[in-house]
Amino acid sequence: MKYLILMQINPTILEQLTPEQSKLVQDGHEAFTAHVKERGEFVGTQALADPSQSKVVRSVAGTPQTSDGPFAEAKEFLGGFYLVDVEDEARVLELARMIPDTSIDGLAVEVRPVMFSDLGDL
């Protein structure tokens, strides 16, 4: 079963990390990626740009309109994700706990089952 592990970012928390803590987070993500690849559970991962670089397209009077900025104001935002294919929920939760962000107060990961997937030629 495929699961999306969503990394919720709080820029205030990240700015407070020491260089050593930032390196531990980066190294932890590299180790996590290597681990799920070794086990054949890796489907993909993406890191997302800051929401200030986003555009929103929404209907206004039935016509799609584009505006700058994130959909909603929030302290946290989606910073990236891992897509994994694992046996069950227990395994994906085990993997989620391995992501270094989960050891930093104020950061979180969300685990969500994938209902439908079409990854093109992947």
PDB file of N, CA and C in Angstrom:
ATOM      1  N   MET A   1       0.830  -1.170   0.000  1.00  0.00           N
ATOM      2  CA  MET A   1       0.000   0.000   0.000  1.00  0.00           C
ATOM      3  C   MET A   1       0.884   1.246   0.000  1.00  0.00           C
ATOM      4  N   LYS A   2       0.488   2.229  -0.776  1.00  0.00           N
ATOM      5  CA  LYS A   2       1.252   3.471  -0.837  1.00  0.00           C
ATOM      6  C   LYS A   2       0.765   4.455   0.227  1.00  0.00           C
ATOM      7  N   TYR A   3       1.734   5.152   0.813  1.00  0.00           N
ATOM      8  CA  TYR A   3       1.465   6.196   1.793  1.00  0.00           C
ATOM      9  C   TYR A   3       2.292   7.421   1.440  1.00  0.00           C
ATOM     10  N   LEU A   4       1.713   8.573   1.702  1.00  0.00           N
ATOM     11  CA  LEU A   4       2.426   9.830   1.573  1.00  0.00           C
ATOM     12  C   LEU A   4       2.803  10.285   2.973  1.00  0.00           C
ATOM     13  N   ILE A   5       4.083  10.541   3.176  1.00  0.00           N
ATOM     14  CA  ILE A   5       4.571  11.079   4.437  1.00  0.00           C
ATOM     15  C   ILE A   5       4.850  12.554   4.179  1.00  0.00           C
ATOM     16  N   LEU A   6       4.008  13.417   4.752  1.00  0.00           N
ATOM     17  CA  LEU A   6       4.077  14.854   4.510  1.00  0.00           C
ATOM     18  C   LEU A   6       4.862  15.537   5.622  1.00  0.00           C
ATOM     19  N   MET A   7       5.839  16.314   5.262  1.00  0.00           N
ATOM     20  CA  MET A   7       6.648  17.010   6.258  1.00  0.00           C
ATOM     21  C   MET A   7       6.124  18.425   6.441  1.00  0.00           C
ATOM     22  N   GLN A   8       5.642  18.703   7.637  1.00  0.00           N
ATOM     23  CA  GLN A   8       5.110  20.019   7.981  1.00  0.00           C
ATOM     24  C   GLN A   8       6.251  20.873   8.531  1.00  0.00           C
ATOM     25  N   ILE A   9       6.483  22.001   7.898  1.00  0.00           N
ATOM     26  CA  ILE A   9       7.614  22.862   8.234  1.00  0.00           C
ATOM     27  C   ILE A   9       7.126  24.104   8.972  1.00  0.00           C
ATOM     28  N   ASN A  10       7.842  24.463  10.010  1.00  0.00           N
ATOM     29  CA  ASN A  10       7.611  25.727  10.702  1.00  0.00           C
ATOM     30  C   ASN A  10       8.915  26.514  10.572  1.00  0.00           C
ATOM     31  N   PRO A  11       8.945  27.546   9.717  1.00  0.00           N
ATOM     32  CA  PRO A  11      10.205  28.252   9.467  1.00  0.00           C
ATOM     33  C   PRO A  11      10.809  28.871  10.725  1.00  0.00           C
ATOM     34  N   THR A  12       9.994  29.278  11.679  1.00  0.00           N
ATOM     35  CA  THR A  12      10.518  29.843  12.922  1.00  0.00           C
ATOM     36  C   THR A  12      11.344  28.805  13.666  1.00  0.00           C
ATOM     37  N   ILE A  13      10.856  27.582  13.701  1.00  0.00           N
ATOM     38  CA  ILE A  13      11.589  26.492  14.369  1.00  0.00           C
ATOM     39  C   ILE A  13      12.892  26.217  13.624  1.00  0.00           C
ATOM     40  N   LEU A  14      12.836  26.147  12.308  1.00  0.00           N
ATOM     41  CA  LEU A  14      14.041  25.852  11.523  1.00  0.00           C
ATOM     42  C   LEU A  14      15.107  26.932  11.701  1.00  0.00           C
ATOM     43  N   GLU A  15      14.677  28.187  11.773  1.00  0.00           N
ATOM     44  CA  GLU A  15      15.623  29.293  11.941  1.00  0.00           C
ATOM     45  C   GLU A  15      16.340  29.222  13.282  1.00  0.00           C
ATOM     46  N   GLN A  16      15.735  28.564  14.271  1.00  0.00           N
ATOM     47  CA  GLN A  16      16.324  28.476  15.603  1.00  0.00           C
ATOM     48  C   GLN A  16      17.294  27.304  15.751  1.00  0.00           C
ATOM     49  N   LEU A  17      17.359  26.433  14.752  1.00  0.00           N
ATOM     50  CA  LEU A  17      18.263  25.291  14.834  1.00  0.00           C
ATOM     51  C   LEU A  17      19.707  25.757  14.730  1.00  0.00           C
ATOM     52  N   THR A  18      20.580  25.109  15.485  1.00  0.00           N
ATOM     53  CA  THR A  18      22.012  25.389  15.359  1.00  0.00           C
ATOM     54  C   THR A  18      22.501  24.772  14.049  1.00  0.00           C
ATOM     55  N   PRO A  19      23.660  25.185  13.557  1.00  0.00           N
ATOM     56  CA  PRO A  19      24.213  24.539  12.351  1.00  0.00           C
ATOM     57  C   PRO A  19      24.367  23.025  12.534  1.00  0.00           C
ATOM     58  N   GLU A  20      24.715  22.610  13.736  1.00  0.00           N
ATOM     59  CA  GLU A  20      24.874  21.177  14.004  1.00  0.00           C
ATOM     60  C   GLU A  20      23.525  20.460  13.896  1.00  0.00           C
ATOM     61  N   GLN A  21      22.480  21.065  14.452  1.00  0.00           N
ATOM     62  CA  GLN A  21      21.147  20.465  14.362  1.00  0.00           C
ATOM     63  C   GLN A  21      20.667  20.412  12.906  1.00  0.00           C
ATOM     64  N   SER A  22      20.908  21.470  12.156  1.00  0.00           N
ATOM     65  CA  SER A  22      20.520  21.483  10.741  1.00  0.00           C
ATOM     66  C   SER A  22      21.222  20.374   9.976  1.00  0.00           C
ATOM     67  N   LYS A  23      22.503  20.163  10.271  1.00  0.00           N
ATOM     68  CA  LYS A  23      23.254  19.096   9.607  1.00  0.00           C
ATOM     69  C   LYS A  23      22.698  17.727   9.992  1.00  0.00           C
ATOM     70  N   LEU A  24      22.334  17.553  11.265  1.00  0.00           N
ATOM     71  CA  LEU A  24      21.739  16.285  11.688  1.00  0.00           C
ATOM     72  C   LEU A  24      20.432  16.009  10.941  1.00  0.00           C
ATOM     73  N   VAL A  25      19.622  17.048  10.737  1.00  0.00           N
ATOM     74  CA  VAL A  25      18.375  16.883   9.987  1.00  0.00           C
ATOM     75  C   VAL A  25      18.684  16.480   8.544  1.00  0.00           C
ATOM     76  N   GLN A  26      19.604  17.193   7.904  1.00  0.00           N
ATOM     77  CA  GLN A  26      19.961  16.875   6.523  1.00  0.00           C
ATOM     78  C   GLN A  26      20.515  15.456   6.414  1.00  0.00           C
ATOM     79  N   ASP A  27      21.445  15.108   7.284  1.00  0.00           N
ATOM     80  CA  ASP A  27      22.022  13.757   7.270  1.00  0.00           C
ATOM     81  C   ASP A  27      20.960  12.705   7.554  1.00  0.00           C
ATOM     82  N   GLY A  28      20.015  13.038   8.447  1.00  0.00           N
ATOM     83  CA  GLY A  28      18.947  12.100   8.769  1.00  0.00           C
ATOM     84  C   GLY A  28      18.044  11.829   7.574  1.00  0.00           C
ATOM     85  N   HIS A  29      17.752  12.862   6.791  1.00  0.00           N
ATOM     86  CA  HIS A  29      16.936  12.655   5.585  1.00  0.00           C
ATOM     87  C   HIS A  29      17.686  11.808   4.560  1.00  0.00           C
ATOM     88  N   GLU A  30      18.980  12.034   4.419  1.00  0.00           N
ATOM     89  CA  GLU A  30      19.773  11.213   3.503  1.00  0.00           C
ATOM     90  C   GLU A  30      19.775   9.754   3.951  1.00  0.00           C
ATOM     91  N   ALA A  31      19.925   9.515   5.247  1.00  0.00           N
ATOM     92  CA  ALA A  31      19.917   8.145   5.777  1.00  0.00           C
ATOM     93  C   ALA A  31      18.548   7.503   5.605  1.00  0.00           C
ATOM     94  N   PHE A  32      17.486   8.278   5.848  1.00  0.00           N
ATOM     95  CA  PHE A  32      16.130   7.752   5.683  1.00  0.00           C
ATOM     96  C   PHE A  32      15.894   7.336   4.230  1.00  0.00           C
ATOM     97  N   THR A  33      16.274   8.189   3.293  1.00  0.00           N
ATOM     98  CA  THR A  33      16.087   7.886   1.880  1.00  0.00           C
ATOM     99  C   THR A  33      16.859   6.630   1.499  1.00  0.00           C
ATOM    100  N   ALA A  34      18.094   6.521   1.955  1.00  0.00           N
ATOM    101  CA  ALA A  34      18.888   5.319   1.668  1.00  0.00           C
ATOM    102  C   ALA A  34      18.223   4.074   2.239  1.00  0.00           C
ATOM    103  N   HIS A  35      17.682   4.179   3.448  1.00  0.00           N
ATOM    104  CA  HIS A  35      17.042   3.045   4.109  1.00  0.00           C
ATOM    105  C   HIS A  35      15.826   2.539   3.315  1.00  0.00           C
ATOM    106  N   VAL A  36      14.925   3.452   2.929  1.00  0.00           N
ATOM    107  CA  VAL A  36      13.723   2.991   2.227  1.00  0.00           C
ATOM    108  C   VAL A  36      14.062   2.509   0.820  1.00  0.00           C
ATOM    109  N   LYS A  37      15.118   3.047   0.220  1.00  0.00           N
ATOM    110  CA  LYS A  37      15.550   2.543  -1.093  1.00  0.00           C
ATOM    111  C   LYS A  37      16.093   1.121  -0.960  1.00  0.00           C
ATOM    112  N   GLU A  38      16.930   0.890   0.053  1.00  0.00           N
ATOM    113  CA  GLU A  38      17.485  -0.452   0.295  1.00  0.00           C
ATOM    114  C   GLU A  38      16.389  -1.489   0.492  1.00  0.00           C
ATOM    115  N   ARG A  39      15.314  -1.111   1.167  1.00  0.00           N
ATOM    116  CA  ARG A  39      14.228  -2.038   1.471  1.00  0.00           C
ATOM    117  C   ARG A  39      13.212  -2.161   0.345  1.00  0.00           C
ATOM    118  N   GLY A  40      13.390  -1.407  -0.735  1.00  0.00           N
ATOM    119  CA  GLY A  40      12.461  -1.464  -1.857  1.00  0.00           C
ATOM    120  C   GLY A  40      11.134  -0.776  -1.581  1.00  0.00           C
ATOM    121  N   GLU A  41      11.095   0.114  -0.592  1.00  0.00           N
ATOM    122  CA  GLU A  41       9.856   0.797  -0.214  1.00  0.00           C
ATOM    123  C   GLU A  41       9.764   2.214  -0.789  1.00  0.00           C
ATOM    124  N   PHE A  42      10.838   2.684  -1.377  1.00  0.00           N
ATOM    125  CA  PHE A  42      10.914   4.046  -1.885  1.00  0.00           C
ATOM    126  C   PHE A  42      10.182   4.169  -3.217  1.00  0.00           C
ATOM    127  N   VAL A  43       9.304   5.160  -3.319  1.00  0.00           N
ATOM    128  CA  VAL A  43       8.666   5.484  -4.588  1.00  0.00           C
ATOM    129  C   VAL A  43       9.185   6.826  -5.080  1.00  0.00           C
ATOM    130  N   GLY A  44       9.259   7.826  -4.190  1.00  0.00           N
ATOM    131  CA  GLY A  44       9.758   9.130  -4.590  1.00  0.00           C
ATOM    132  C   GLY A  44       9.750  10.107  -3.430  1.00  0.00           C
ATOM    133  N   THR A  45      10.409  11.228  -3.636  1.00  0.00           N
ATOM    134  CA  THR A  45      10.422  12.303  -2.650  1.00  0.00           C
ATOM    135  C   THR A  45      10.582  13.621  -3.385  1.00  0.00           C
ATOM    136  N   GLN A  46      10.044  14.665  -2.804  1.00  0.00           N
ATOM    137  CA  GLN A  46      10.176  16.016  -3.354  1.00  0.00           C
ATOM    138  C   GLN A  46      10.260  16.991  -2.197  1.00  0.00           C
ATOM    139  N   ALA A  47      11.142  17.972  -2.320  1.00  0.00           N
ATOM    140  CA  ALA A  47      11.178  19.099  -1.390  1.00  0.00           C
ATOM    141  C   ALA A  47      10.511  20.265  -2.109  1.00  0.00           C
ATOM    142  N   LEU A  48       9.708  20.999  -1.393  1.00  0.00           N
ATOM    143  CA  LEU A  48       8.943  22.088  -1.994  1.00  0.00           C
ATOM    144  C   LEU A  48       9.530  23.441  -1.605  1.00  0.00           C
ATOM    145  N   ALA A  49       9.400  24.399  -2.513  1.00  0.00           N
ATOM    146  CA  ALA A  49       9.862  25.767  -2.250  1.00  0.00           C
ATOM    147  C   ALA A  49       8.982  26.416  -1.189  1.00  0.00           C
ATOM    148  N   ASP A  50       9.468  27.492  -0.627  1.00  0.00           N
ATOM    149  CA  ASP A  50       8.727  28.262   0.357  1.00  0.00           C
ATOM    150  C   ASP A  50       7.389  28.718  -0.229  1.00  0.00           C
ATOM    151  N   PRO A  51       6.331  28.735   0.562  1.00  0.00           N
ATOM    152  CA  PRO A  51       5.019  29.149   0.062  1.00  0.00           C
ATOM    153  C   PRO A  51       4.992  30.553  -0.544  1.00  0.00           C
ATOM    154  N   SER A  52       5.935  31.409  -0.168  1.00  0.00           N
ATOM    155  CA  SER A  52       5.956  32.756  -0.745  1.00  0.00           C
ATOM    156  C   SER A  52       6.194  32.716  -2.248  1.00  0.00           C
ATOM    157  N   GLN A  53       6.665  31.592  -2.744  1.00  0.00           N
ATOM    158  CA  GLN A  53       6.910  31.440  -4.178  1.00  0.00           C
ATOM    159  C   GLN A  53       5.747  30.775  -4.904  1.00  0.00           C
ATOM    160  N   SER A  54       4.687  30.463  -4.177  1.00  0.00           N
ATOM    161  CA  SER A  54       3.572  29.733  -4.779  1.00  0.00           C
ATOM    162  C   SER A  54       2.581  30.664  -5.451  1.00  0.00           C
ATOM    163  N   LYS A  55       1.779  30.092  -6.302  1.00  0.00           N
ATOM    164  CA  LYS A  55       0.647  30.753  -6.951  1.00  0.00           C
ATOM    165  C   LYS A  55      -0.585  29.927  -6.628  1.00  0.00           C
ATOM    166  N   VAL A  56      -1.721  30.587  -6.560  1.00  0.00           N
ATOM    167  CA  VAL A  56      -2.986  29.911  -6.311  1.00  0.00           C
ATOM    168  C   VAL A  56      -3.912  30.221  -7.470  1.00  0.00           C
ATOM    169  N   VAL A  57      -4.521  29.170  -8.016  1.00  0.00           N
ATOM    170  CA  VAL A  57      -5.530  29.344  -9.064  1.00  0.00           C
ATOM    171  C   VAL A  57      -6.853  28.907  -8.467  1.00  0.00           C
ATOM    172  N   ARG A  58      -7.825  29.822  -8.457  1.00  0.00           N
ATOM    173  CA  ARG A  58      -9.141  29.499  -7.908  1.00  0.00           C
ATOM    174  C   ARG A  58     -10.189  30.195  -8.749  1.00  0.00           C
ATOM    175  N   SER A  59     -11.389  29.683  -8.644  1.00  0.00           N
ATOM    176  CA  SER A  59     -12.507  30.238  -9.395  1.00  0.00           C
ATOM    177  C   SER A  59     -13.020  31.508  -8.733  1.00  0.00           C
ATOM    178  N   VAL A  60     -13.204  32.534  -9.550  1.00  0.00           N
ATOM    179  CA  VAL A  60     -13.857  33.771  -9.126  1.00  0.00           C
ATOM    180  C   VAL A  60     -14.952  34.030 -10.150  1.00  0.00           C
ATOM    181  N   ALA A  61     -16.196  33.913  -9.713  1.00  0.00           N
ATOM    182  CA  ALA A  61     -17.349  34.068 -10.607  1.00  0.00           C
ATOM    183  C   ALA A  61     -17.262  33.092 -11.791  1.00  0.00           C
ATOM    184  N   GLY A  62     -16.805  31.878 -11.484  1.00  0.00           N
ATOM    185  CA  GLY A  62     -16.761  30.836 -12.509  1.00  0.00           C
ATOM    186  C   GLY A  62     -15.580  30.906 -13.452  1.00  0.00           C
ATOM    187  N   THR A  63     -14.647  31.835 -13.223  1.00  0.00           N
ATOM    188  CA  THR A  63     -13.476  31.975 -14.088  1.00  0.00           C
ATOM    189  C   THR A  63     -12.207  31.756 -13.265  1.00  0.00           C
ATOM    190  N   PRO A  64     -11.298  30.892 -13.730  1.00  0.00           N
ATOM    191  CA  PRO A  64     -10.049  30.679 -12.993  1.00  0.00           C
ATOM    192  C   PRO A  64      -9.223  31.966 -12.914  1.00  0.00           C
ATOM    193  N   GLN A  65      -8.827  32.327 -11.703  1.00  0.00           N
ATOM    194  CA  GLN A  65      -8.000  33.510 -11.460  1.00  0.00           C
ATOM    195  C   GLN A  65      -6.739  33.068 -10.720  1.00  0.00           C
ATOM    196  N   THR A  66      -5.613  33.710 -11.016  1.00  0.00           N
ATOM    197  CA  THR A  66      -4.340  33.380 -10.386  1.00  0.00           C
ATOM    198  C   THR A  66      -3.929  34.506  -9.453  1.00  0.00           C
ATOM    199  N   SER A  67      -3.461  34.103  -8.260  1.00  0.00           N
ATOM    200  CA  SER A  67      -2.957  35.095  -7.312  1.00  0.00           C
ATOM    201  C   SER A  67      -1.663  34.578  -6.699  1.00  0.00           C
ATOM    202  N   ASP A  68      -0.905  35.485  -6.089  1.00  0.00           N
ATOM    203  CA  ASP A  68       0.341  35.113  -5.427  1.00  0.00           C
ATOM    204  C   ASP A  68       0.054  34.528  -4.053  1.00  0.00           C
ATOM    205  N   GLY A  69       1.024  33.766  -3.552  1.00  0.00           N
ATOM    206  CA  GLY A  69       1.003  33.347  -2.164  1.00  0.00           C
ATOM    207  C   GLY A  69       0.289  32.052  -1.892  1.00  0.00           C
ATOM    208  N   PRO A  70       0.424  31.609  -0.663  1.00  0.00           N
ATOM    209  CA  PRO A  70      -0.181  30.335  -0.282  1.00  0.00           C
ATOM    210  C   PRO A  70      -1.697  30.426  -0.189  1.00  0.00           C
ATOM    211  N   PHE A  71      -2.313  29.280  -0.178  1.00  0.00           N
ATOM    212  CA  PHE A  71      -3.772  29.178  -0.100  1.00  0.00           C
ATOM    213  C   PHE A  71      -4.303  29.776   1.189  1.00  0.00           C
ATOM    214  N   ALA A  72      -3.631  29.500   2.296  1.00  0.00           N
ATOM    215  CA  ALA A  72      -4.099  29.985   3.600  1.00  0.00           C
ATOM    216  C   ALA A  72      -2.907  30.427   4.432  1.00  0.00           C
ATOM    217  N   GLU A  73      -3.128  31.407   5.263  1.00  0.00           N
ATOM    218  CA  GLU A  73      -2.082  31.852   6.180  1.00  0.00           C
ATOM    219  C   GLU A  73      -1.932  30.803   7.288  1.00  0.00           C
ATOM    220  N   ALA A  74      -0.700  30.417   7.554  1.00  0.00           N
ATOM    221  CA  ALA A  74      -0.454  29.431   8.596  1.00  0.00           C
ATOM    222  C   ALA A  74       0.993  29.538   9.056  1.00  0.00           C
ATOM    223  N   LYS A  75       1.258  29.116  10.284  1.00  0.00           N
ATOM    224  CA  LYS A  75       2.634  29.075  10.761  1.00  0.00           C
ATOM    225  C   LYS A  75       3.394  27.941  10.091  1.00  0.00           C
ATOM    226  N   GLU A  76       2.703  26.845   9.854  1.00  0.00           N
ATOM    227  CA  GLU A  76       3.325  25.672   9.247  1.00  0.00           C
ATOM    228  C   GLU A  76       2.902  25.563   7.792  1.00  0.00           C
ATOM    229  N   PHE A  77       3.753  24.919   7.004  1.00  0.00           N
ATOM    230  CA  PHE A  77       3.408  24.660   5.615  1.00  0.00           C
ATOM    231  C   PHE A  77       4.038  23.353   5.164  1.00  0.00           C
ATOM    232  N   LEU A  78       3.527  22.808   4.077  1.00  0.00           N
ATOM    233  CA  LEU A  78       4.051  21.573   3.525  1.00  0.00           C
ATOM    234  C   LEU A  78       5.415  21.841   2.917  1.00  0.00           C
ATOM    235  N   GLY A  79       6.426  21.212   3.466  1.00  0.00           N
ATOM    236  CA  GLY A  79       7.792  21.439   3.006  1.00  0.00           C
ATOM    237  C   GLY A  79       8.289  20.397   2.037  1.00  0.00           C
ATOM    238  N   GLY A  80       7.644  19.260   2.009  1.00  0.00           N
ATOM    239  CA  GLY A  80       8.054  18.186   1.121  1.00  0.00           C
ATOM    240  C   GLY A  80       7.374  16.902   1.521  1.00  0.00           C
ATOM    241  N   PHE A  81       7.699  15.854   0.781  1.00  0.00           N
ATOM    242  CA  PHE A  81       7.057  14.579   1.078  1.00  0.00           C
ATOM    243  C   PHE A  81       7.907  13.407   0.613  1.00  0.00           C
ATOM    244  N   TYR A  82       7.618  12.273   1.199  1.00  0.00           N
ATOM    245  CA  TYR A  82       8.118  10.983   0.736  1.00  0.00           C
ATOM    246  C   TYR A  82       6.902  10.167   0.324  1.00  0.00           C
ATOM    247  N   LEU A  83       6.998   9.478  -0.790  1.00  0.00           N
ATOM    248  CA  LEU A  83       5.982   8.522  -1.202  1.00  0.00           C
ATOM    249  C   LEU A  83       6.606   7.148  -1.063  1.00  0.00           C
ATOM    250  N   VAL A  84       5.992   6.308  -0.226  1.00  0.00           N
ATOM    251  CA  VAL A  84       6.533   4.977   0.039  1.00  0.00           C
ATOM    252  C   VAL A  84       5.468   3.930  -0.259  1.00  0.00           C
ATOM    253  N   ASP A  85       5.926   2.736  -0.528  1.00  0.00           N
ATOM    254  CA  ASP A  85       5.039   1.600  -0.779  1.00  0.00           C
ATOM    255  C   ASP A  85       5.425   0.527   0.229  1.00  0.00           C
ATOM    256  N   VAL A  86       4.581   0.343   1.231  1.00  0.00           N
ATOM    257  CA  VAL A  86       4.904  -0.536   2.350  1.00  0.00           C
ATOM    258  C   VAL A  86       3.786  -1.541   2.577  1.00  0.00           C
ATOM    259  N   GLU A  87       4.058  -2.508   3.430  1.00  0.00           N
ATOM    260  CA  GLU A  87       3.115  -3.585   3.699  1.00  0.00           C
ATOM    261  C   GLU A  87       1.857  -3.108   4.419  1.00  0.00           C
ATOM    262  N   ASP A  88       2.038  -2.218   5.409  1.00  0.00           N
ATOM    263  CA  ASP A  88       0.875  -1.830   6.201  1.00  0.00           C
ATOM    264  C   ASP A  88       1.133  -0.521   6.946  1.00  0.00           C
ATOM    265  N   GLU A  89       0.102  -0.059   7.647  1.00  0.00           N
ATOM    266  CA  GLU A  89       0.197   1.195   8.388  1.00  0.00           C
ATOM    267  C   GLU A  89       1.264   1.147   9.474  1.00  0.00           C
ATOM    268  N   ALA A  90       1.411   0.010  10.123  1.00  0.00           N
ATOM    269  CA  ALA A  90       2.419  -0.098  11.179  1.00  0.00           C
ATOM    270  C   ALA A  90       3.811   0.209  10.624  1.00  0.00           C
ATOM    271  N   ARG A  91       4.097  -0.281   9.424  1.00  0.00           N
ATOM    272  CA  ARG A  91       5.416  -0.030   8.825  1.00  0.00           C
ATOM    273  C   ARG A  91       5.589   1.446   8.466  1.00  0.00           C
ATOM    274  N   VAL A  92       4.571   2.071   7.894  1.00  0.00           N
ATOM    275  CA  VAL A  92       4.739   3.479   7.513  1.00  0.00           C
ATOM    276  C   VAL A  92       4.901   4.349   8.759  1.00  0.00           C
ATOM    277  N   LEU A  93       4.238   4.005   9.847  1.00  0.00           N
ATOM    278  CA  LEU A  93       4.411   4.767  11.081  1.00  0.00           C
ATOM    279  C   LEU A  93       5.817   4.564  11.648  1.00  0.00           C
ATOM    280  N   GLU A  94       6.341   3.350  11.508  1.00  0.00           N
ATOM    281  CA  GLU A  94       7.723   3.092  11.908  1.00  0.00           C
ATOM    282  C   GLU A  94       8.672   3.973  11.090  1.00  0.00           C
ATOM    283  N   LEU A  95       8.438   4.041   9.784  1.00  0.00           N
ATOM    284  CA  LEU A  95       9.272   4.883   8.932  1.00  0.00           C
ATOM    285  C   LEU A  95       9.128   6.359   9.304  1.00  0.00           C
ATOM    286  N   ALA A  96       7.908   6.808   9.549  1.00  0.00           N
ATOM    287  CA  ALA A  96       7.671   8.215   9.870  1.00  0.00           C
ATOM    288  C   ALA A  96       8.462   8.619  11.116  1.00  0.00           C
ATOM    289  N   ARG A  97       8.538   7.724  12.084  1.00  0.00           N
ATOM    290  CA  ARG A  97       9.280   8.031  13.308  1.00  0.00           C
ATOM    291  C   ARG A  97      10.786   8.136  13.047  1.00  0.00           C
ATOM    292  N   MET A  98      11.257   7.593  11.925  1.00  0.00           N
ATOM    293  CA  MET A  98      12.674   7.667  11.581  1.00  0.00           C
ATOM    294  C   MET A  98      13.056   9.006  10.944  1.00  0.00           C
ATOM    295  N   ILE A  99      12.101   9.768  10.481  1.00  0.00           N
ATOM    296  CA  ILE A  99      12.385  11.047   9.839  1.00  0.00           C
ATOM    297  C   ILE A  99      12.864  12.021  10.909  1.00  0.00           C
ATOM    298  N   PRO A 100      14.003  12.672  10.690  1.00  0.00           N
ATOM    299  CA  PRO A 100      14.605  13.475  11.750  1.00  0.00           C
ATOM    300  C   PRO A 100      13.729  14.629  12.242  1.00  0.00           C
ATOM    301  N   ASP A 101      12.839  15.120  11.416  1.00  0.00           N
ATOM    302  CA  ASP A 101      11.963  16.215  11.832  1.00  0.00           C
ATOM    303  C   ASP A 101      11.138  15.834  13.057  1.00  0.00           C
ATOM    304  N   THR A 102      10.837  14.554  13.228  1.00  0.00           N
ATOM    305  CA  THR A 102       9.988  14.127  14.339  1.00  0.00           C
ATOM    306  C   THR A 102      10.696  14.201  15.679  1.00  0.00           C
ATOM    307  N   SER A 103      11.985  14.483  15.660  1.00  0.00           N
ATOM    308  CA  SER A 103      12.715  14.621  16.929  1.00  0.00           C
ATOM    309  C   SER A 103      12.910  16.091  17.308  1.00  0.00           C
ATOM    310  N   ILE A 104      12.283  16.999  16.567  1.00  0.00           N
ATOM    311  CA  ILE A 104      12.407  18.434  16.838  1.00  0.00           C
ATOM    312  C   ILE A 104      11.041  18.974  17.237  1.00  0.00           C
ATOM    313  N   ASP A 105      10.948  19.498  18.453  1.00  0.00           N
ATOM    314  CA  ASP A 105       9.691  20.090  18.914  1.00  0.00           C
ATOM    315  C   ASP A 105       9.257  21.180  17.945  1.00  0.00           C
ATOM    316  N   GLY A 106       7.986  21.159  17.565  1.00  0.00           N
ATOM    317  CA  GLY A 106       7.452  22.173  16.664  1.00  0.00           C
ATOM    318  C   GLY A 106       7.389  21.748  15.215  1.00  0.00           C
ATOM    319  N   LEU A 107       8.018  20.625  14.865  1.00  0.00           N
ATOM    320  CA  LEU A 107       7.919  20.085  13.514  1.00  0.00           C
ATOM    321  C   LEU A 107       7.114  18.796  13.572  1.00  0.00           C
ATOM    322  N   ALA A 108       6.574  18.386  12.439  1.00  0.00           N
ATOM    323  CA  ALA A 108       5.752  17.179  12.421  1.00  0.00           C
ATOM    324  C   ALA A 108       5.759  16.566  11.034  1.00  0.00           C
ATOM    325  N   VAL A 109       5.398  15.305  10.986  1.00  0.00           N
ATOM    326  CA  VAL A 109       5.107  14.652   9.717  1.00  0.00           C
ATOM    327  C   VAL A 109       3.695  14.091   9.799  1.00  0.00           C
ATOM    328  N   GLU A 110       3.021  14.121   8.682  1.00  0.00           N
ATOM    329  CA  GLU A 110       1.667  13.564   8.577  1.00  0.00           C
ATOM    330  C   GLU A 110       1.751  12.357   7.665  1.00  0.00           C
ATOM    331  N   VAL A 111       1.072  11.295   8.040  1.00  0.00           N
ATOM    332  CA  VAL A 111       1.035  10.075   7.241  1.00  0.00           C
ATOM    333  C   VAL A 111      -0.364   9.921   6.683  1.00  0.00           C
ATOM    334  N   ARG A 112      -0.451   9.786   5.360  1.00  0.00           N
ATOM    335  CA  ARG A 112      -1.768   9.681   4.736  1.00  0.00           C
ATOM    336  C   ARG A 112      -1.753   8.587   3.669  1.00  0.00           C
ATOM    337  N   PRO A 113      -2.730   7.670   3.706  1.00  0.00           N
ATOM    338  CA  PRO A 113      -2.810   6.644   2.656  1.00  0.00           C
ATOM    339  C   PRO A 113      -3.103   7.275   1.307  1.00  0.00           C
ATOM    340  N   VAL A 114      -2.554   6.689   0.270  1.00  0.00           N
ATOM    341  CA  VAL A 114      -2.818   7.130  -1.089  1.00  0.00           C
ATOM    342  C   VAL A 114      -4.028   6.368  -1.603  1.00  0.00           C
ATOM    343  N   MET A 115      -5.025   7.082  -2.081  1.00  0.00           N
ATOM    344  CA  MET A 115      -6.258   6.453  -2.582  1.00  0.00           C
ATOM    345  C   MET A 115      -6.133   6.062  -4.051  1.00  0.00           C
ATOM    346  N   PHE A 116      -5.398   6.867  -4.821  1.00  0.00           N
ATOM    347  CA  PHE A 116      -5.226   6.628  -6.250  1.00  0.00           C
ATOM    348  C   PHE A 116      -3.852   7.138  -6.629  1.00  0.00           C
ATOM    349  N   SER A 117      -3.202   6.437  -7.535  1.00  0.00           N
ATOM    350  CA  SER A 117      -1.865   6.858  -7.932  1.00  0.00           C
ATOM    351  C   SER A 117      -1.638   6.565  -9.413  1.00  0.00           C
ATOM    352  N   ASP A 118      -1.166   7.550 -10.142  1.00  0.00           N
ATOM    353  CA  ASP A 118      -0.711   7.376 -11.519  1.00  0.00           C
ATOM    354  C   ASP A 118       0.559   8.178 -11.639  1.00  0.00           C
ATOM    355  N   LEU A 119       1.686   7.510 -11.601  1.00  0.00           N
ATOM    356  CA  LEU A 119       2.967   8.176 -11.608  1.00  0.00           C
ATOM    357  C   LEU A 119       3.602   8.202 -13.003  1.00  0.00           C
ATOM    358  N   GLY A 120       2.787   8.062 -14.015  1.00  0.00           N
ATOM    359  CA  GLY A 120       3.297   8.115 -15.377  1.00  0.00           C
ATOM    360  C   GLY A 120       4.230   6.963 -15.648  1.00  0.00           C
ATOM    361  N   ASP A 121       5.423   7.286 -16.134  1.00  0.00           N
ATOM    362  CA  ASP A 121       6.385   6.259 -16.529  1.00  0.00           C
ATOM    363  C   ASP A 121       7.333   5.845 -15.414  1.00  0.00           C
ATOM    364  N   LEU A 122       7.050   6.227 -14.176  1.00  0.00           N
ATOM    365  CA  LEU A 122       7.950   5.830 -13.073  1.00  0.00           C
ATOM    366  C   LEU A 122       7.904   4.356 -12.846  1.00  0.00           C
TER     367      LEU A 122
END
